[in-house]
C-alpha atoms as a PDB file:
ATOM      1  CA  MET A   1       8.137  32.107 -27.069  1.00  0.00           C
ATOM      2  CA  GLU A   2       8.789  30.669 -23.609  1.00  0.00           C
ATOM      3  CA  ILE A   3       5.699  29.005 -22.134  1.00  0.00           C
ATOM      4  CA  GLY A   4       5.252  29.288 -18.372  1.00  0.00           C
ATOM      5  CA  GLU A   5       2.977  27.636 -15.834  1.00  0.00           C
ATOM      6  CA  LEU A   6      -0.483  26.277 -16.512  1.00  0.00           C
ATOM      7  CA  VAL A   7      -2.929  28.857 -15.164  1.00  0.00           C
ATOM      8  CA  GLY A   8      -6.222  27.427 -16.388  1.00  0.00           C
ATOM      9  CA  ALA A   9      -7.851  24.524 -18.207  1.00  0.00           C
ATOM     10  CA  GLY A  10     -11.206  24.099 -19.898  1.00  0.00           C
ATOM     11  CA  ARG A  11     -12.984  21.383 -21.846  1.00  0.00           C
ATOM     12  CA  SER A  12     -11.066  22.051 -25.039  1.00  0.00           C
ATOM     13  CA  ALA A  13      -8.032  24.224 -24.220  1.00  0.00           C
ATOM     14  CA  ASP A  14      -5.300  24.942 -21.665  1.00  0.00           C
ATOM     15  CA  VAL A  15      -4.083  28.407 -20.683  1.00  0.00           C
ATOM     16  CA  TYR A  16      -0.394  29.036 -19.933  1.00  0.00           C
ATOM     17  CA  ALA A  17       1.361  32.095 -18.535  1.00  0.00           C
ATOM     18  CA  LEU A  18       3.735  34.004 -20.787  1.00  0.00           C
ATOM     19  CA  GLY A  19       5.928  36.978 -20.059  1.00  0.00           C
ATOM     20  CA  ASP A  20       4.824  40.628 -20.019  1.00  0.00           C
ATOM     21  CA  GLY A  21       1.334  39.960 -18.684  1.00  0.00           C
ATOM     22  CA  ARG A  22       0.247  37.696 -21.531  1.00  0.00           C
ATOM     23  CA  VAL A  23      -1.240  34.210 -21.661  1.00  0.00           C
ATOM     24  CA  LEU A  24      -1.345  31.475 -24.278  1.00  0.00           C
ATOM     25  CA  ARG A  25      -4.609  29.637 -24.924  1.00  0.00           C
ATOM     26  CA  ARG A  26      -3.664  26.324 -26.581  1.00  0.00           C
ATOM     27  CA  TYR A  27      -6.369  24.066 -27.967  1.00  0.00           C
ATOM     28  CA  ARG A  28      -6.405  20.308 -27.443  1.00  0.00           C
ATOM     29  CA  VAL A  29      -9.028  19.827 -30.164  1.00  0.00           C
ATOM     30  CA  ASP A  30      -9.219  20.657 -33.866  1.00  0.00           C
ATOM     31  CA  VAL A  31     -10.172  24.343 -33.672  1.00  0.00           C
ATOM     32  CA  ASP A  32      -8.802  27.214 -35.734  1.00  0.00           C
ATOM     33  CA  ALA A  33      -7.930  29.864 -33.158  1.00  0.00           C
ATOM     34  CA  ARG A  34      -7.463  32.469 -35.886  1.00  0.00           C
ATOM     35  CA  ARG A  35     -11.237  32.800 -36.346  1.00  0.00           C
ATOM     36  CA  GLU A  36     -11.646  33.355 -32.603  1.00  0.00           C
ATOM     37  CA  LEU A  37      -8.890  35.974 -32.670  1.00  0.00           C
ATOM     38  CA  GLU A  38     -10.545  37.815 -35.556  1.00  0.00           C
ATOM     39  CA  ILE A  39     -13.887  37.958 -33.745  1.00  0.00           C
ATOM     40  CA  MET A  40     -12.285  39.151 -30.505  1.00  0.00           C
ATOM     41  CA  ALA A  41     -10.384  41.870 -32.335  1.00  0.00           C
ATOM     42  CA  TYR A  42     -13.565  42.898 -34.143  1.00  0.00           C
ATOM     43  CA  VAL A  43     -15.737  43.257 -31.032  1.00  0.00           C
ATOM     44  CA  ALA A  44     -12.869  45.002 -29.204  1.00  0.00           C
ATOM     45  CA  ALA A  45     -12.753  47.566 -32.003  1.00  0.00           C
ATOM     46  CA  HIS A  46     -16.436  48.217 -31.273  1.00  0.00           C
ATOM     47  CA  GLY A  47     -15.693  48.824 -27.595  1.00  0.00           C
ATOM     48  CA  PHE A  48     -16.796  45.458 -26.219  1.00  0.00           C
ATOM     49  CA  PRO A  49     -14.754  44.235 -23.212  1.00  0.00           C
ATOM     50  CA  VAL A  50     -12.527  41.314 -24.234  1.00  0.00           C
ATOM     51  CA  PRO A  51      -8.877  40.498 -23.494  1.00  0.00           C
ATOM     52  CA  GLU A  52      -6.435  42.195 -25.849  1.00  0.00           C
ATOM     53  CA  VAL A  53      -5.214  39.770 -28.531  1.00  0.00           C
ATOM     54  CA  PHE A  54      -1.825  39.590 -30.265  1.00  0.00           C
ATOM     55  CA  PRO A  55      -2.275  38.419 -33.886  1.00  0.00           C
ATOM     56  CA  GLY A  56       1.438  38.332 -34.667  1.00  0.00           C
ATOM     57  CA  GLU A  57       2.109  35.782 -31.925  1.00  0.00           C
ATOM     58  CA  SER A  58      -0.991  33.630 -32.434  1.00  0.00           C
ATOM     59  CA  SER A  59      -1.500  30.676 -34.763  1.00  0.00           C
ATOM     60  CA  ALA A  60      -4.120  28.148 -35.827  1.00  0.00           C
ATOM     61  CA  THR A  61      -3.884  26.325 -32.493  1.00  0.00           C
ATOM     62  CA  ASP A  62      -2.541  29.029 -30.167  1.00  0.00           C
ATOM     63  CA  LEU A  63      -4.176  32.288 -29.137  1.00  0.00           C
ATOM     64  CA  VAL A  64      -1.979  34.844 -27.344  1.00  0.00           C
ATOM     65  CA  MET A  65      -3.792  37.523 -25.356  1.00  0.00           C
ATOM     66  CA  ARG A  66      -3.446  39.881 -22.436  1.00  0.00           C
ATOM     67  CA  ARG A  67      -3.851  38.199 -19.054  1.00  0.00           C
ATOM     68  CA  VAL A  68      -7.025  39.279 -17.260  1.00  0.00           C
ATOM     69  CA  SER A  69      -7.050  39.497 -13.471  1.00  0.00           C
ATOM     70  CA  GLY A  70     -10.013  39.125 -11.152  1.00  0.00           C
ATOM     71  CA  PRO A  71     -12.579  36.490 -10.112  1.00  0.00           C
ATOM     72  CA  THR A  72     -15.126  35.099 -12.499  1.00  0.00           C
ATOM     73  CA  LEU A  73     -18.700  36.247 -12.072  1.00  0.00           C
ATOM     74  CA  LEU A  74     -19.518  32.695 -10.956  1.00  0.00           C
ATOM     75  CA  HIS A  75     -16.937  32.683  -8.168  1.00  0.00           C
ATOM     76  CA  ALA A  76     -17.950  36.166  -7.031  1.00  0.00           C
ATOM     77  CA  MET A  77     -21.597  35.107  -6.979  1.00  0.00           C
ATOM     78  CA  LEU A  78     -20.912  31.952  -4.957  1.00  0.00           C
ATOM     79  CA  ALA A  79     -18.706  33.900  -2.540  1.00  0.00           C
ATOM     80  CA  GLY A  80     -21.469  36.429  -1.935  1.00  0.00           C
ATOM     81  CA  GLN A  81     -19.436  39.270  -3.443  1.00  0.00           C
ATOM     82  CA  VAL A  82     -22.053  39.778  -6.155  1.00  0.00           C
ATOM     83  CA  GLY A  83     -25.779  39.286  -5.665  1.00  0.00           C
ATOM     84  CA  ILE A  84     -27.728  36.863  -7.840  1.00  0.00           C
ATOM     85  CA  GLU A  85     -29.941  39.585  -9.297  1.00  0.00           C
ATOM     86  CA  GLU A  86     -26.902  41.756 -10.033  1.00  0.00           C
ATOM     87  CA  ALA A  87     -25.270  38.800 -11.786  1.00  0.00           C
ATOM     88  CA  GLY A  88     -28.376  38.391 -13.941  1.00  0.00           C
ATOM     89  CA  ARG A  89     -28.368  42.068 -14.850  1.00  0.00           C
ATOM     90  CA  THR A  90     -24.650  41.894 -15.673  1.00  0.00           C
ATOM     91  CA  LEU A  91     -25.115  38.970 -18.060  1.00  0.00           C
ATOM     92  CA  ALA A  92     -28.157  40.547 -19.694  1.00  0.00           C
ATOM     93  CA  GLY A  93     -26.308  43.842 -20.104  1.00  0.00           C
ATOM     94  CA  LEU A  94     -23.339  42.140 -21.729  1.00  0.00           C
ATOM     95  CA  LEU A  95     -25.585  40.243 -24.130  1.00  0.00           C
ATOM     96  CA  ARG A  96     -27.444  43.393 -25.152  1.00  0.00           C
ATOM     97  CA  ARG A  97     -24.194  45.321 -25.553  1.00  0.00           C
ATOM     98  CA  LEU A  98     -22.726  42.563 -27.724  1.00  0.00           C
ATOM     99  CA  HIS A  99     -25.837  42.378 -29.867  1.00  0.00           C
ATOM    100  CA  GLU A 100     -25.502  46.047 -30.758  1.00  0.00           C
ATOM    101  CA  ILE A 101     -22.431  45.116 -32.821  1.00  0.00           C
ATOM    102  CA  PRO A 102     -23.256  44.432 -36.490  1.00  0.00           C
ATOM    103  CA  ALA A 103     -22.198  41.184 -38.102  1.00  0.00           C
ATOM    104  CA  ARG A 104     -18.682  41.117 -39.496  1.00  0.00           C
ATOM    105  CA  VAL A 105     -19.372  38.895 -42.519  1.00  0.00           C
ATOM    106  CA  SER A 106     -23.115  38.336 -42.905  1.00  0.00           C
ATOM    107  CA  GLY A 107     -25.023  40.710 -45.136  1.00  0.00           C
ATOM    108  CA  ASP A 108     -28.265  40.156 -43.224  1.00  0.00           C
ATOM    109  CA  PRO A 109     -28.923  43.324 -41.188  1.00  0.00           C
ATOM    110  CA  ARG A 110     -30.656  41.254 -38.509  1.00  0.00           C
ATOM    111  CA  ASP A 111     -27.508  39.259 -37.750  1.00  0.00           C
ATOM    112  CA  ARG A 112     -25.155  40.201 -34.954  1.00  0.00           C
ATOM    113  CA  ILE A 113     -22.047  38.806 -33.267  1.00  0.00           C
ATOM    114  CA  LEU A 114     -23.046  35.967 -30.918  1.00  0.00           C
ATOM    115  CA  HIS A 115     -20.877  34.581 -28.122  1.00  0.00           C
ATOM    116  CA  LEU A 116     -22.954  31.387 -27.707  1.00  0.00           C
ATOM    117  CA  ASP A 117     -21.342  30.480 -24.368  1.00  0.00           C
ATOM    118  CA  LEU A 118     -21.861  33.599 -22.249  1.00  0.00           C
ATOM    119  CA  HIS A 119     -22.356  32.343 -18.701  1.00  0.00           C
ATOM    120  CA  PRO A 120     -21.015  33.443 -15.275  1.00  0.00           C
ATOM    121  CA  ASP A 121     -17.785  31.440 -15.536  1.00  0.00           C
ATOM    122  CA  ASN A 122     -16.878  33.190 -18.798  1.00  0.00           C
ATOM    123  CA  VAL A 123     -17.109  36.682 -17.314  1.00  0.00           C
ATOM    124  CA  MET A 124     -14.081  38.025 -15.444  1.00  0.00           C
ATOM    125  CA  LEU A 125     -14.646  40.846 -12.960  1.00  0.00           C
ATOM    126  CA  THR A 126     -11.611  43.080 -13.422  1.00  0.00           C
ATOM    127  CA  PRO A 127     -10.878  46.422 -11.742  1.00  0.00           C
ATOM    128  CA  ASP A 128     -12.023  48.067 -14.986  1.00  0.00           C
ATOM    129  CA  GLY A 129     -15.294  46.137 -15.173  1.00  0.00           C
ATOM    130  CA  PRO A 130     -16.513  42.795 -16.556  1.00  0.00           C
ATOM    131  CA  VAL A 131     -14.525  41.190 -19.384  1.00  0.00           C
ATOM    132  CA  VAL A 132     -15.899  38.330 -21.496  1.00  0.00           C
ATOM    133  CA  ILE A 133     -13.572  35.409 -22.234  1.00  0.00           C
ATOM    134  CA  ASP A 134     -13.661  32.149 -24.263  1.00  0.00           C
ATOM    135  CA  TRP A 135     -14.909  33.115 -27.710  1.00  0.00           C
ATOM    136  CA  SER A 136     -14.343  29.696 -29.270  1.00  0.00           C
ATOM    137  CA  ASN A 137     -18.070  29.191 -29.978  1.00  0.00           C
ATOM    138  CA  ALA A 138     -18.681  32.692 -31.329  1.00  0.00           C
ATOM    139  CA  ARG A 139     -20.594  33.015 -34.587  1.00  0.00           C
ATOM    140  CA  GLU A 140     -22.929  35.418 -36.369  1.00  0.00           C
ATOM    141  CA  GLY A 141     -26.689  35.113 -36.246  1.00  0.00           C
ATOM    142  CA  ARG A 142     -29.860  36.257 -34.496  1.00  0.00           C
ATOM    143  CA  PRO A 143     -29.442  37.573 -30.933  1.00  0.00           C
ATOM    144  CA  ALA A 144     -32.350  35.507 -29.585  1.00  0.00           C
ATOM    145  CA  LEU A 145     -30.263  32.325 -29.927  1.00  0.00           C
ATOM    146  CA  ASP A 146     -27.449  33.808 -27.836  1.00  0.00           C
ATOM    147  CA  CYS A 147     -29.869  34.833 -25.085  1.00  0.00           C
ATOM    148  CA  ALA A 148     -31.516  31.406 -25.100  1.00  0.00           C
ATOM    149  CA  LEU A 149     -28.177  29.605 -24.829  1.00  0.00           C
ATOM    150  CA  SER A 150     -27.031  31.703 -21.865  1.00  0.00           C
ATOM    151  CA  VAL A 151     -30.216  30.902 -19.970  1.00  0.00           C
ATOM    152  CA  LEU A 152     -30.131  27.249 -21.027  1.00  0.00           C
ATOM    153  CA  ILE A 153     -26.599  26.748 -19.694  1.00  0.00           C
ATOM    154  CA  LEU A 154     -27.708  28.046 -16.291  1.00  0.00           C
ATOM    155  CA  ALA A 155     -30.908  26.015 -16.390  1.00  0.00           C
ATOM    156  CA  GLN A 156     -28.974  22.807 -17.082  1.00  0.00           C
ATOM    157  CA  ALA A 157     -26.976  23.361 -13.906  1.00  0.00           C
ATOM    158  CA  ALA A 158     -30.180  24.235 -12.058  1.00  0.00           C
ATOM    159  CA  VAL A 159     -31.932  20.939 -12.842  1.00  0.00           C
ATOM    160  CA  ASP A 160     -28.870  18.811 -12.042  1.00  0.00           C
ATOM    161  CA  GLU A 161     -29.836  17.538  -8.595  1.00  0.00           C
ATOM    162  CA  THR A 162     -26.402  15.967  -8.119  1.00  0.00           C
ATOM    163  CA  GLY A 163     -24.587  19.245  -8.718  1.00  0.00           C
ATOM    164  CA  GLU A 164     -23.402  21.613  -6.009  1.00  0.00           C
ATOM    165  CA  LEU A 165     -24.453  24.644  -8.056  1.00  0.00           C
ATOM    166  CA  ALA A 166     -28.115  23.695  -8.575  1.00  0.00           C
ATOM    167  CA  ALA A 167     -29.680  26.156  -6.115  1.00  0.00           C
ATOM    168  CA  ALA A 168     -27.509  29.103  -7.143  1.00  0.00           C
ATOM    169  CA  ALA A 169     -27.953  28.274 -10.843  1.00  0.00           C
ATOM    170  CA  ARG A 170     -31.729  28.222 -10.489  1.00  0.00           C
ATOM    171  CA  GLU A 171     -31.706  31.669  -8.891  1.00  0.00           C
ATOM    172  CA  ALA A 172     -29.305  32.953 -11.528  1.00  0.00           C
ATOM    173  CA  ALA A 173     -31.431  31.537 -14.348  1.00  0.00           C
ATOM    174  CA  GLY A 174     -34.497  33.261 -12.912  1.00  0.00           C
ATOM    175  CA  ALA A 175     -32.602  36.540 -12.570  1.00  0.00           C
ATOM    176  CA  LEU A 176     -31.321  36.351 -16.146  1.00  0.00           C
ATOM    177  CA  VAL A 177     -34.772  35.516 -17.532  1.00  0.00           C
ATOM    178  CA  ALA A 178     -36.208  38.507 -15.666  1.00  0.00           C
ATOM    179  CA  SER A 179     -33.398  40.806 -16.805  1.00  0.00           C
ATOM    180  CA  LEU A 180     -33.652  39.767 -20.463  1.00  0.00           C
ATOM    181  CA  GLY A 181     -37.404  40.260 -20.598  1.00  0.00           C
ATOM    182  CA  GLU A 182     -38.640  40.236 -24.190  1.00  0.00           C
ATOM    183  CA  ASP A 183     -35.106  39.614 -25.485  1.00  0.00           C
ATOM    184  CA  LEU A 184     -35.615  35.974 -24.444  1.00  0.00           C
ATOM    185  CA  ASP A 185     -37.886  34.075 -26.830  1.00  0.00           C
ATOM    186  CA  PRO A 186     -38.991  30.799 -25.153  1.00  0.00           C
ATOM    187  CA  GLY A 187     -40.146  29.476 -28.516  1.00  0.00           C
ATOM    188  CA  GLY A 188     -38.079  28.702 -31.599  1.00  0.00           C
ATOM    189  CA  PRO A 189     -34.766  30.197 -30.426  1.00  0.00           C
ATOM    190  CA  LEU A 190     -34.885  28.104 -27.261  1.00  0.00           C
ATOM    191  CA  GLU A 191     -35.534  24.974 -29.324  1.00  0.00           C
ATOM    192  CA  ASP A 192     -32.556  25.884 -31.522  1.00  0.00           C
ATOM    193  CA  ALA A 193     -30.424  26.387 -28.414  1.00  0.00           C
ATOM    194  CA  GLN A 194     -31.460  22.965 -27.109  1.00  0.00           C
ATOM    195  CA  ALA A 195     -30.557  21.307 -30.412  1.00  0.00           C
ATOM    196  CA  ARG A 196     -27.194  23.058 -30.424  1.00  0.00           C
ATOM    197  CA  ARG A 197     -26.415  21.924 -26.884  1.00  0.00           C
ATOM    198  CA  ALA A 198     -27.547  18.371 -27.655  1.00  0.00           C
ATOM    199  CA  ALA A 199     -25.107  18.246 -30.594  1.00  0.00           C
ATOM    200  CA  ASP A 200     -22.187  19.592 -28.524  1.00  0.00           C
ATOM    201  CA  ARG A 201     -19.584  16.820 -28.402  1.00  0.00           C
ATOM    202  CA  GLY A 202     -18.098  18.397 -25.282  1.00  0.00           C
ATOM    203  CA  LEU A 203     -21.171  17.569 -23.210  1.00  0.00           C
ATOM    204  CA  SER A 204     -21.583  14.275 -21.412  1.00  0.00           C
ATOM    205  CA  GLU A 205     -24.606  12.018 -21.929  1.00  0.00           C
ATOM    206  CA  ARG A 206     -25.865  13.071 -18.509  1.00  0.00           C
ATOM    207  CA  GLU A 207     -25.613  16.760 -19.394  1.00  0.00           C
ATOM    208  CA  VAL A 208     -27.545  16.185 -22.607  1.00  0.00           C
ATOM    209  CA  SER A 209     -30.187  14.226 -20.668  1.00  0.00           C
ATOM    210  CA  LEU A 210     -30.894  17.337 -18.557  1.00  0.00           C
ATOM    211  CA  LEU A 211     -31.867  19.485 -21.516  1.00  0.00           C
ATOM    212  CA  ASP A 212     -35.601  18.698 -21.574  1.00  0.00           C
ATOM    213  CA  ASP A 213     -35.975  19.561 -17.881  1.00  0.00           C
ATOM    214  CA  ALA A 214     -33.856  22.678 -18.389  1.00  0.00           C
ATOM    215  CA  VAL A 215     -36.090  23.905 -21.219  1.00  0.00           C
ATOM    216  CA  ALA A 216     -39.194  23.211 -19.129  1.00  0.00           C
ATOM    217  CA  LEU A 217     -37.708  25.259 -16.286  1.00  0.00           C
ATOM    218  CA  ILE A 218     -36.961  28.201 -18.590  1.00  0.00           C
ATOM    219  CA  ARG A 219     -40.516  28.220 -19.958  1.00  0.00           C
ATOM    220  CA  LYS A 220     -41.857  28.144 -16.408  1.00  0.00           C
ATOM    221  CA  LEU A 221     -39.648  31.067 -15.397  1.00  0.00           C
ATOM    222  CA  ALA A 222     -40.532  33.035 -18.544  1.00  0.00           C
ATOM    223  CA  ALA A 223     -44.269  32.565 -17.898  1.00  0.00           C
ATOM    224  CA  ARG A 224     -44.130  34.314 -14.507  1.00  0.00           C
END
């Protein structure tokens, strides 16, 4: 397999171009990409929009998938191509659609597939519609945690006064809270989401320090 140019980089992985419209996602940390591949293949089989994966070319550290073209929902939102309220509805719709898929392993009928990192920069707007990327955090569990995490990620950016995205993130958080309605539980699931974010080794100390203010903002938005 001939690896081409670097086309993207995240906190834990780099993405390289391959031939025939494929990309290679290579992890820099100790993550088993095979679990991610299995989850992506599973949700794809249920009609959820994810990049096509190639099991025969993937490994424990490398995930080969179809290259997805288009801006992220975040970039489209900041460029004014997508309205803030529309972005909130898009995220809420994707979360609800995902949570219709039954768990793959768990025997608890209340459990569903959770993305656990579904935010505007992990949604690609392709000619065929939105596609969700970066399934490295995906697990099975109760949908309320997934909803809480999506809002919390936006709220963290919203309360970061030094960040350039604060104003847009606050609007987006409000739009997502409104779009989720009763699917967002500002109680226990939000506390679980905060604990999960606080334990994330990929977050800086400053990012973790914003969590209390972010949770307070979400509860204020949910009380409207």
